[in-house]
Amino acid sequence: QSIGPRYCPSIETKIVTFADKDRH
């Protein structure tokens, strides 16, 4: 429930937030 870092996101956050990206 707590606040996470916006500028160092987890890999699962990346694939949700940047769903249009096919690679990181």
mmCIF file of all heavy atoms, coordinates in Angstrom:
data_MODEL
# 
_entry.id   MODEL 
# 
loop_
_atom_site.group_PDB 
_atom_site.id 
_atom_site.type_symbol 
_atom_site.label_atom_id 
_atom_site.label_alt_id 
_atom_site.label_comp_id 
_atom_site.label_asym_id 
_atom_site.label_entity_id 
_atom_site.label_seq_id 
_atom_site.pdbx_PDB_ins_code 
_atom_site.Cartn_x 
_atom_site.Cartn_y 
_atom_site.Cartn_z 
_atom_site.occupancy 
_atom_site.B_iso_or_equiv 
_atom_site.pdbx_formal_charge 
_atom_site.auth_seq_id 
_atom_site.auth_comp_id 
_atom_site.auth_asym_id 
_atom_site.auth_atom_id 
_atom_site.pdbx_PDB_model_num 
ATOM 1   N N   . GLN A 1 1  ? 0.813  -1.214 0.000   1.00 0.00 ? 1  GLN A N   1 
ATOM 2   C CA  . GLN A 1 1  ? 0.000  0.000  0.000   1.00 0.00 ? 1  GLN A CA  1 
ATOM 3   C C   . GLN A 1 1  ? 0.848  1.267  0.000   1.00 0.00 ? 1  GLN A C   1 
ATOM 4   O O   . GLN A 1 1  ? 0.345  2.351  -0.261  1.00 0.00 ? 1  GLN A O   1 
ATOM 5   C CB  . GLN A 1 1  ? -0.894 0.021  1.250   1.00 0.00 ? 1  GLN A CB  1 
ATOM 6   C CG  . GLN A 1 1  ? -1.893 -1.124 1.316   1.00 0.00 ? 1  GLN A CG  1 
ATOM 7   C CD  . GLN A 1 1  ? -3.005 -0.993 0.285   1.00 0.00 ? 1  GLN A CD  1 
ATOM 8   O OE1 . GLN A 1 1  ? -3.388 0.108  -0.081  1.00 0.00 ? 1  GLN A OE1 1 
ATOM 9   N NE2 . GLN A 1 1  ? -3.517 -2.122 -0.199  1.00 0.00 ? 1  GLN A NE2 1 
ATOM 10  N N   . SER A 1 2  ? 2.148  1.151  0.286   1.00 0.00 ? 2  SER A N   1 
ATOM 11  C CA  . SER A 1 2  ? 2.986  2.338  0.497   1.00 0.00 ? 2  SER A CA  1 
ATOM 12  C C   . SER A 1 2  ? 3.496  2.929  -0.808  1.00 0.00 ? 2  SER A C   1 
ATOM 13  O O   . SER A 1 2  ? 3.312  2.370  -1.887  1.00 0.00 ? 2  SER A O   1 
ATOM 14  C CB  . SER A 1 2  ? 4.159  1.987  1.405   1.00 0.00 ? 2  SER A CB  1 
ATOM 15  O OG  . SER A 1 2  ? 4.832  0.847  0.936   1.00 0.00 ? 2  SER A OG  1 
ATOM 16  N N   . ILE A 1 3  ? 4.189  4.067  -0.690  1.00 0.00 ? 3  ILE A N   1 
ATOM 17  C CA  . ILE A 1 3  ? 4.613  4.866  -1.844  1.00 0.00 ? 3  ILE A CA  1 
ATOM 18  C C   . ILE A 1 3  ? 5.919  4.319  -2.408  1.00 0.00 ? 3  ILE A C   1 
ATOM 19  O O   . ILE A 1 3  ? 6.886  4.127  -1.670  1.00 0.00 ? 3  ILE A O   1 
ATOM 20  C CB  . ILE A 1 3  ? 4.834  6.333  -1.415  1.00 0.00 ? 3  ILE A CB  1 
ATOM 21  C CG1 . ILE A 1 3  ? 3.634  6.837  -0.607  1.00 0.00 ? 3  ILE A CG1 1 
ATOM 22  C CG2 . ILE A 1 3  ? 5.105  7.218  -2.606  1.00 0.00 ? 3  ILE A CG2 1 
ATOM 23  C CD1 . ILE A 1 3  ? 3.932  8.088  0.193   1.00 0.00 ? 3  ILE A CD1 1 
ATOM 24  N N   . GLY A 1 4  ? 5.961  4.080  -3.722  1.00 0.00 ? 4  GLY A N   1 
ATOM 25  C CA  . GLY A 1 4  ? 7.168  3.585  -4.361  1.00 0.00 ? 4  GLY A CA  1 
ATOM 26  C C   . GLY A 1 4  ? 7.874  4.656  -5.167  1.00 0.00 ? 4  GLY A C   1 
ATOM 27  O O   . GLY A 1 4  ? 7.334  5.733  -5.409  1.00 0.00 ? 4  GLY A O   1 
ATOM 28  N N   . PRO A 1 5  ? 9.106  4.386  -5.623  1.00 0.00 ? 5  PRO A N   1 
ATOM 29  C CA  . PRO A 1 5  ? 9.884  5.369  -6.376  1.00 0.00 ? 5  PRO A CA  1 
ATOM 30  C C   . PRO A 1 5  ? 9.418  5.494  -7.827  1.00 0.00 ? 5  PRO A C   1 
ATOM 31  O O   . PRO A 1 5  ? 9.361  4.502  -8.543  1.00 0.00 ? 5  PRO A O   1 
ATOM 32  C CB  . PRO A 1 5  ? 11.316 4.820  -6.308  1.00 0.00 ? 5  PRO A CB  1 
ATOM 33  C CG  . PRO A 1 5  ? 11.132 3.343  -6.139  1.00 0.00 ? 5  PRO A CG  1 
ATOM 34  C CD  . PRO A 1 5  ? 9.857  3.140  -5.389  1.00 0.00 ? 5  PRO A CD  1 
ATOM 35  N N   . ARG A 1 6  ? 9.098  6.712  -8.248  1.00 0.00 ? 6  ARG A N   1 
ATOM 36  C CA  . ARG A 1 6  ? 8.661  6.941  -9.625  1.00 0.00 ? 6  ARG A CA  1 
ATOM 37  C C   . ARG A 1 6  ? 9.818  6.774  -10.604 1.00 0.00 ? 6  ARG A C   1 
ATOM 38  O O   . ARG A 1 6  ? 9.627  6.315  -11.725 1.00 0.00 ? 6  ARG A O   1 
ATOM 39  C CB  . ARG A 1 6  ? 8.104  8.366  -9.741  1.00 0.00 ? 6  ARG A CB  1 
ATOM 40  C CG  . ARG A 1 6  ? 7.559  8.672  -11.124 1.00 0.00 ? 6  ARG A CG  1 
ATOM 41  C CD  . ARG A 1 6  ? 7.241  10.145 -11.305 1.00 0.00 ? 6  ARG A CD  1 
ATOM 42  N NE  . ARG A 1 6  ? 6.577  10.719 -10.145 1.00 0.00 ? 6  ARG A NE  1 
ATOM 43  C CZ  . ARG A 1 6  ? 6.223  11.997 -10.067 1.00 0.00 ? 6  ARG A CZ  1 
ATOM 44  N NH1 . ARG A 1 6  ? 6.475  12.816 -11.074 1.00 0.00 ? 6  ARG A NH1 1 
ATOM 45  N NH2 . ARG A 1 6  ? 5.642  12.464 -8.986  1.00 0.00 ? 6  ARG A NH2 1 
ATOM 46  N N   . TYR A 1 7  ? 11.031 7.148  -10.174 1.00 0.00 ? 7  TYR A N   1 
ATOM 47  C CA  . TYR A 1 7  ? 12.145 7.226  -11.122 1.00 0.00 ? 7  TYR A CA  1 
ATOM 48  C C   . TYR A 1 7  ? 13.003 5.966  -11.149 1.00 0.00 ? 7  TYR A C   1 
ATOM 49  O O   . TYR A 1 7  ? 13.973 5.898  -11.872 1.00 0.00 ? 7  TYR A O   1 
ATOM 50  C CB  . TYR A 1 7  ? 13.014 8.436  -10.781 1.00 0.00 ? 7  TYR A CB  1 
ATOM 51  C CG  . TYR A 1 7  ? 12.228 9.719  -10.824 1.00 0.00 ? 7  TYR A CG  1 
ATOM 52  C CD1 . TYR A 1 7  ? 11.864 10.386 -9.656  1.00 0.00 ? 7  TYR A CD1 1 
ATOM 53  C CD2 . TYR A 1 7  ? 11.816 10.250 -12.041 1.00 0.00 ? 7  TYR A CD2 1 
ATOM 54  C CE1 . TYR A 1 7  ? 11.123 11.566 -9.706  1.00 0.00 ? 7  TYR A CE1 1 
ATOM 55  C CE2 . TYR A 1 7  ? 11.085 11.419 -12.101 1.00 0.00 ? 7  TYR A CE2 1 
ATOM 56  C CZ  . TYR A 1 7  ? 10.738 12.070 -10.927 1.00 0.00 ? 7  TYR A CZ  1 
ATOM 57  O OH  . TYR A 1 7  ? 10.006 13.234 -10.985 1.00 0.00 ? 7  TYR A OH  1 
ATOM 58  N N   . CYS A 1 8  ? 12.644 4.983  -10.351 1.00 0.00 ? 8  CYS A N   1 
ATOM 59  C CA  . CYS A 1 8  ? 13.352 3.702  -10.402 1.00 0.00 ? 8  CYS A CA  1 
ATOM 60  C C   . CYS A 1 8  ? 12.310 2.596  -10.284 1.00 0.00 ? 8  CYS A C   1 
ATOM 61  O O   . CYS A 1 8  ? 12.285 1.847  -9.313  1.00 0.00 ? 8  CYS A O   1 
ATOM 62  C CB  . CYS A 1 8  ? 14.371 3.630  -9.267  1.00 0.00 ? 8  CYS A CB  1 
ATOM 63  S SG  . CYS A 1 8  ? 15.491 2.222  -9.397  1.00 0.00 ? 8  CYS A SG  1 
ATOM 64  N N   . PRO A 1 9  ? 11.404 2.490  -11.271 1.00 0.00 ? 9  PRO A N   1 
ATOM 65  C CA  . PRO A 1 9  ? 10.266 1.572  -11.152 1.00 0.00 ? 9  PRO A CA  1 
ATOM 66  C C   . PRO A 1 9  ? 10.681 0.115  -11.304 1.00 0.00 ? 9  PRO A C   1 
ATOM 67  O O   . PRO A 1 9  ? 11.702 -0.214 -11.910 1.00 0.00 ? 9  PRO A O   1 
ATOM 68  C CB  . PRO A 1 9  ? 9.356  2.009  -12.303 1.00 0.00 ? 9  PRO A CB  1 
ATOM 69  C CG  . PRO A 1 9  ? 10.288 2.566  -13.323 1.00 0.00 ? 9  PRO A CG  1 
ATOM 70  C CD  . PRO A 1 9  ? 11.391 3.235  -12.540 1.00 0.00 ? 9  PRO A CD  1 
ATOM 71  N N   . SER A 1 10 ? 9.849  -0.755 -10.775 1.00 0.00 ? 10 SER A N   1 
ATOM 72  C CA  . SER A 1 10 ? 10.063 -2.190 -10.940 1.00 0.00 ? 10 SER A CA  1 
ATOM 73  C C   . SER A 1 10 ? 9.779  -2.571 -12.391 1.00 0.00 ? 10 SER A C   1 
ATOM 74  O O   . SER A 1 10 ? 9.147  -1.827 -13.143 1.00 0.00 ? 10 SER A O   1 
ATOM 75  C CB  . SER A 1 10 ? 9.135  -2.965 -10.015 1.00 0.00 ? 10 SER A CB  1 
ATOM 76  O OG  . SER A 1 10 ? 7.789  -2.751 -10.412 1.00 0.00 ? 10 SER A OG  1 
ATOM 77  N N   . ILE A 1 11 ? 10.223 -3.751 -12.787 1.00 0.00 ? 11 ILE A N   1 
ATOM 78  C CA  . ILE A 1 11 ? 9.998  -4.200 -14.164 1.00 0.00 ? 11 ILE A CA  1 
ATOM 79  C C   . ILE A 1 11 ? 8.504  -4.407 -14.414 1.00 0.00 ? 11 ILE A C   1 
ATOM 80  O O   . ILE A 1 11 ? 8.010  -4.123 -15.509 1.00 0.00 ? 11 ILE A O   1 
ATOM 81  C CB  . ILE A 1 11 ? 10.809 -5.489 -14.466 1.00 0.00 ? 11 ILE A CB  1 
ATOM 82  C CG1 . ILE A 1 11 ? 10.762 -5.824 -15.960 1.00 0.00 ? 11 ILE A CG1 1 
ATOM 83  C CG2 . ILE A 1 11 ? 10.345 -6.641 -13.609 1.00 0.00 ? 11 ILE A CG2 1 
ATOM 84  C CD1 . ILE A 1 11 ? 11.417 -4.793 -16.853 1.00 0.00 ? 11 ILE A CD1 1 
ATOM 85  N N   . GLU A 1 12 ? 7.749  -4.839 -13.395 1.00 0.00 ? 12 GLU A N   1 
ATOM 86  C CA  . GLU A 1 12 ? 6.312  -5.004 -13.604 1.00 0.00 ? 12 GLU A CA  1 
ATOM 87  C C   . GLU A 1 12 ? 5.621  -3.653 -13.774 1.00 0.00 ? 12 GLU A C   1 
ATOM 88  O O   . GLU A 1 12 ? 4.668  -3.522 -14.543 1.00 0.00 ? 12 GLU A O   1 
ATOM 89  C CB  . GLU A 1 12 ? 5.668  -5.829 -12.491 1.00 0.00 ? 12 GLU A CB  1 
ATOM 90  C CG  . GLU A 1 12 ? 5.962  -5.416 -11.081 1.00 0.00 ? 12 GLU A CG  1 
ATOM 91  C CD  . GLU A 1 12 ? 7.108  -6.199 -10.456 1.00 0.00 ? 12 GLU A CD  1 
ATOM 92  O OE1 . GLU A 1 12 ? 8.127  -6.412 -11.155 1.00 0.00 ? 12 GLU A OE1 1 
ATOM 93  O OE2 . GLU A 1 12 ? 7.003  -6.559 -9.281  1.00 0.00 ? 12 GLU A OE2 1 
ATOM 94  N N   . THR A 1 13 ? 6.105  -2.623 -13.089 1.00 0.00 ? 13 THR A N   1 
ATOM 95  C CA  . THR A 1 13 ? 5.548  -1.279 -13.278 1.00 0.00 ? 13 THR A CA  1 
ATOM 96  C C   . THR A 1 13 ? 5.856  -0.760 -14.680 1.00 0.00 ? 13 THR A C   1 
ATOM 97  O O   . THR A 1 13 ? 5.024  -0.118 -15.325 1.00 0.00 ? 13 THR A O   1 
ATOM 98  C CB  . THR A 1 13 ? 6.119  -0.315 -12.224 1.00 0.00 ? 13 THR A CB  1 
ATOM 99  O OG1 . THR A 1 13 ? 5.766  -0.793 -10.922 1.00 0.00 ? 13 THR A OG1 1 
ATOM 100 C CG2 . THR A 1 13 ? 5.566  1.095  -12.403 1.00 0.00 ? 13 THR A CG2 1 
ATOM 101 N N   . LYS A 1 14 ? 7.055  -1.059 -15.167 1.00 0.00 ? 14 LYS A N   1 
ATOM 102 C CA  . LYS A 1 14 ? 7.438  -0.598 -16.510 1.00 0.00 ? 14 LYS A CA  1 
ATOM 103 C C   . LYS A 1 14 ? 6.524  -1.177 -17.585 1.00 0.00 ? 14 LYS A C   1 
ATOM 104 O O   . LYS A 1 14 ? 6.101  -0.461 -18.497 1.00 0.00 ? 14 LYS A O   1 
ATOM 105 C CB  . LYS A 1 14 ? 8.887  -0.996 -16.816 1.00 0.00 ? 14 LYS A CB  1 
ATOM 106 C CG  . LYS A 1 14 ? 9.948  -0.210 -16.066 1.00 0.00 ? 14 LYS A CG  1 
ATOM 107 C CD  . LYS A 1 14 ? 11.334 -0.709 -16.451 1.00 0.00 ? 14 LYS A CD  1 
ATOM 108 C CE  . LYS A 1 14 ? 12.419 -0.049 -15.639 1.00 0.00 ? 14 LYS A CE  1 
ATOM 109 N NZ  . LYS A 1 14 ? 13.767 -0.572 -15.974 1.00 0.00 ? 14 LYS A NZ  1 
ATOM 110 N N   . ILE A 1 15 ? 6.218  -2.470 -17.486 1.00 0.00 ? 15 ILE A N   1 
ATOM 111 C CA  . ILE A 1 15 ? 5.420  -3.064 -18.564 1.00 0.00 ? 15 ILE A CA  1 
ATOM 112 C C   . ILE A 1 15 ? 3.963  -2.612 -18.501 1.00 0.00 ? 15 ILE A C   1 
ATOM 113 O O   . ILE A 1 15 ? 3.250  -2.685 -19.505 1.00 0.00 ? 15 ILE A O   1 
ATOM 114 C CB  . ILE A 1 15 ? 5.504  -4.605 -18.570 1.00 0.00 ? 15 ILE A CB  1 
ATOM 115 C CG1 . ILE A 1 15 ? 4.881  -5.198 -17.301 1.00 0.00 ? 15 ILE A CG1 1 
ATOM 116 C CG2 . ILE A 1 15 ? 6.945  -5.065 -18.732 1.00 0.00 ? 15 ILE A CG2 1 
ATOM 117 C CD1 . ILE A 1 15 ? 4.637  -6.691 -17.406 1.00 0.00 ? 15 ILE A CD1 1 
ATOM 118 N N   . VAL A 1 16 ? 3.517  -2.135 -17.336 1.00 0.00 ? 16 VAL A N   1 
ATOM 119 C CA  . VAL A 1 16 ? 2.163  -1.596 -17.221 1.00 0.00 ? 16 VAL A CA  1 
ATOM 120 C C   . VAL A 1 16 ? 2.126  -0.136 -17.642 1.00 0.00 ? 16 VAL A C   1 
ATOM 121 O O   . VAL A 1 16 ? 1.299  0.293  -18.448 1.00 0.00 ? 16 VAL A O   1 
ATOM 122 C CB  . VAL A 1 16 ? 1.633  -1.752 -15.777 1.00 0.00 ? 16 VAL A CB  1 
ATOM 123 C CG1 . VAL A 1 16 ? 0.317  -0.998 -15.599 1.00 0.00 ? 16 VAL A CG1 1 
ATOM 124 C CG2 . VAL A 1 16 ? 1.449  -3.226 -15.433 1.00 0.00 ? 16 VAL A CG2 1 
ATOM 125 N N   . THR A 1 17 ? 3.056  0.650  -17.122 1.00 0.00 ? 17 THR A N   1 
ATOM 126 C CA  . THR A 1 17 ? 3.082  2.091  -17.414 1.00 0.00 ? 17 THR A CA  1 
ATOM 127 C C   . THR A 1 17 ? 3.450  2.363  -18.861 1.00 0.00 ? 17 THR A C   1 
ATOM 128 O O   . THR A 1 17 ? 2.917  3.277  -19.494 1.00 0.00 ? 17 THR A O   1 
ATOM 129 C CB  . THR A 1 17 ? 4.086  2.795  -16.480 1.00 0.00 ? 17 THR A CB  1 
ATOM 130 O OG1 . THR A 1 17 ? 3.751  2.473  -15.121 1.00 0.00 ? 17 THR A OG1 1 
ATOM 131 C CG2 . THR A 1 17 ? 4.048  4.303  -16.673 1.00 0.00 ? 17 THR A CG2 1 
ATOM 132 N N   . PHE A 1 18 ? 4.377  1.582  -19.383 1.00 0.00 ? 18 PHE A N   1 
ATOM 133 C CA  . PHE A 1 18 ? 4.843  1.767  -20.766 1.00 0.00 ? 18 PHE A CA  1 
ATOM 134 C C   . PHE A 1 18 ? 4.439  0.543  -21.598 1.00 0.00 ? 18 PHE A C   1 
ATOM 135 O O   . PHE A 1 18 ? 5.284  -0.156 -22.165 1.00 0.00 ? 18 PHE A O   1 
ATOM 136 C CB  . PHE A 1 18 ? 6.357  1.974  -20.794 1.00 0.00 ? 18 PHE A CB  1 
ATOM 137 C CG  . PHE A 1 18 ? 6.839  3.067  -19.884 1.00 0.00 ? 18 PHE A CG  1 
ATOM 138 C CD1 . PHE A 1 18 ? 7.451  2.761  -18.672 1.00 0.00 ? 18 PHE A CD1 1 
ATOM 139 C CD2 . PHE A 1 18 ? 6.672  4.399  -20.221 1.00 0.00 ? 18 PHE A CD2 1 
ATOM 140 C CE1 . PHE A 1 18 ? 7.899  3.761  -17.828 1.00 0.00 ? 18 PHE A CE1 1 
ATOM 141 C CE2 . PHE A 1 18 ? 7.111  5.413  -19.381 1.00 0.00 ? 18 PHE A CE2 1 
ATOM 142 C CZ  . PHE A 1 18 ? 7.721  5.098  -18.178 1.00 0.00 ? 18 PHE A CZ  1 
ATOM 143 N N   . ALA A 1 19 ? 3.139  0.315  -21.645 1.00 0.00 ? 19 ALA A N   1 
ATOM 144 C CA  . ALA A 1 19 ? 2.624  -0.886 -22.318 1.00 0.00 ? 19 ALA A CA  1 
ATOM 145 C C   . ALA A 1 19 ? 2.945  -0.912 -23.807 1.00 0.00 ? 19 ALA A C   1 
ATOM 146 O O   . ALA A 1 19 ? 2.949  -1.979 -24.434 1.00 0.00 ? 19 ALA A O   1 
ATOM 147 C CB  . ALA A 1 19 ? 1.116  -0.979 -22.109 1.00 0.00 ? 19 ALA A CB  1 
ATOM 148 N N   . ASP A 1 20 ? 3.226  0.262  -24.403 1.00 0.00 ? 20 ASP A N   1 
ATOM 149 C CA  . ASP A 1 20 ? 3.524  0.324  -25.829 1.00 0.00 ? 20 ASP A CA  1 
ATOM 150 C C   . ASP A 1 20 ? 4.977  -0.046 -26.139 1.00 0.00 ? 20 ASP A C   1 
ATOM 151 O O   . ASP A 1 20 ? 5.334  -0.231 -27.308 1.00 0.00 ? 20 ASP A O   1 
ATOM 152 C CB  . ASP A 1 20 ? 3.242  1.737  -26.357 1.00 0.00 ? 20 ASP A CB  1 
ATOM 153 C CG  . ASP A 1 20 ? 4.043  2.795  -25.618 1.00 0.00 ? 20 ASP A CG  1 
ATOM 154 O OD1 . ASP A 1 20 ? 4.194  2.678  -24.380 1.00 0.00 ? 20 ASP A OD1 1 
ATOM 155 O OD2 . ASP A 1 20 ? 4.526  3.742  -26.271 1.00 0.00 ? 20 ASP A OD2 1 
ATOM 156 N N   . LYS A 1 21 ? 5.820  -0.149 -25.114 1.00 0.00 ? 21 LYS A N   1 
ATOM 157 C CA  . LYS A 1 21 ? 7.233  -0.478 -25.341 1.00 0.00 ? 21 LYS A CA  1 
ATOM 158 C C   . LYS A 1 21 ? 7.415  -1.989 -25.424 1.00 0.00 ? 21 LYS A C   1 
ATOM 159 O O   . LYS A 1 21 ? 6.933  -2.734 -24.571 1.00 0.00 ? 21 LYS A O   1 
ATOM 160 C CB  . LYS A 1 21 ? 8.095  0.068  -24.189 1.00 0.00 ? 21 LYS A CB  1 
ATOM 161 C CG  . LYS A 1 21 ? 7.988  1.572  -23.968 1.00 0.00 ? 21 LYS A CG  1 
ATOM 162 C CD  . LYS A 1 21 ? 8.674  2.342  -25.084 1.00 0.00 ? 21 LYS A CD  1 
ATOM 163 C CE  . LYS A 1 21 ? 8.668  3.844  -24.794 1.00 0.00 ? 21 LYS A CE  1 
ATOM 164 N NZ  . LYS A 1 21 ? 9.248  4.624  -25.904 1.00 0.00 ? 21 LYS A NZ  1 
ATOM 165 N N   . ASP A 1 22 ? 8.119  -2.431 -26.454 1.00 0.00 ? 22 ASP A N   1 
ATOM 166 C CA  . ASP A 1 22 ? 8.315  -3.874 -26.588 1.00 0.00 ? 22 ASP A CA  1 
ATOM 167 C C   . ASP A 1 22 ? 9.637  -4.339 -25.983 1.00 0.00 ? 22 ASP A C   1 
ATOM 168 O O   . ASP A 1 22 ? 9.952  -5.542 -26.005 1.00 0.00 ? 22 ASP A O   1 
ATOM 169 C CB  . ASP A 1 22 ? 8.234  -4.308 -28.050 1.00 0.00 ? 22 ASP A CB  1 
ATOM 170 C CG  . ASP A 1 22 ? 9.236  -3.586 -28.938 1.00 0.00 ? 22 ASP A CG  1 
ATOM 171 O OD1 . ASP A 1 22 ? 10.116 -2.867 -28.398 1.00 0.00 ? 22 ASP A OD1 1 
ATOM 172 O OD2 . ASP A 1 22 ? 9.147  -3.744 -30.162 1.00 0.00 ? 22 ASP A OD2 1 
ATOM 173 N N   . ARG A 1 23 ? 10.427 -3.391 -25.431 1.00 0.00 ? 23 ARG A N   1 
ATOM 174 C CA  . ARG A 1 23 ? 11.649 -3.795 -24.743 1.00 0.00 ? 23 ARG A CA  1 
ATOM 175 C C   . ARG A 1 23 ? 12.100 -2.683 -23.794 1.00 0.00 ? 23 ARG A C   1 
ATOM 176 O O   . ARG A 1 23 ? 11.752 -1.511 -23.975 1.00 0.00 ? 23 ARG A O   1 
ATOM 177 C CB  . ARG A 1 23 ? 12.773 -4.116 -25.732 1.00 0.00 ? 23 ARG A CB  1 
ATOM 178 C CG  . ARG A 1 23 ? 13.305 -2.930 -26.524 1.00 0.00 ? 23 ARG A CG  1 
ATOM 179 C CD  . ARG A 1 23 ? 14.463 -3.357 -27.398 1.00 0.00 ? 23 ARG A CD  1 
ATOM 180 N NE  . ARG A 1 23 ? 15.178 -2.204 -27.945 1.00 0.00 ? 23 ARG A NE  1 
ATOM 181 C CZ  . ARG A 1 23 ? 16.347 -2.268 -28.576 1.00 0.00 ? 23 ARG A CZ  1 
ATOM 182 N NH1 . ARG A 1 23 ? 16.922 -3.453 -28.740 1.00 0.00 ? 23 ARG A NH1 1 
ATOM 183 N NH2 . ARG A 1 23 ? 16.942 -1.199 -29.045 1.00 0.00 ? 23 ARG A NH2 1 
ATOM 184 N N   . HIS A 1 24 ? 12.854 -3.069 -22.768 1.00 0.00 ? 24 HIS A N   1 
ATOM 185 C CA  . HIS A 1 24 ? 13.433 -2.126 -21.815 1.00 0.00 ? 24 HIS A CA  1 
ATOM 186 C C   . HIS A 1 24 ? 14.901 -2.493 -21.618 1.00 0.00 ? 24 HIS A C   1 
ATOM 187 O O   . HIS A 1 24 ? 15.255 -3.685 -21.536 1.00 0.00 ? 24 HIS A O   1 
ATOM 188 C CB  . HIS A 1 24 ? 12.708 -2.180 -20.474 1.00 0.00 ? 24 HIS A CB  1 
ATOM 189 C CG  . HIS A 1 24 ? 11.282 -1.714 -20.549 1.00 0.00 ? 24 HIS A CG  1 
ATOM 190 N ND1 . HIS A 1 24 ? 10.934 -0.389 -20.619 1.00 0.00 ? 24 HIS A ND1 1 
ATOM 191 C CD2 . HIS A 1 24 ? 10.115 -2.421 -20.578 1.00 0.00 ? 24 HIS A CD2 1 
ATOM 192 C CE1 . HIS A 1 24 ? 9.613  -0.282 -20.681 1.00 0.00 ? 24 HIS A CE1 1 
ATOM 193 N NE2 . HIS A 1 24 ? 9.097  -1.492 -20.671 1.00 0.00 ? 24 HIS A NE2 1 
# 
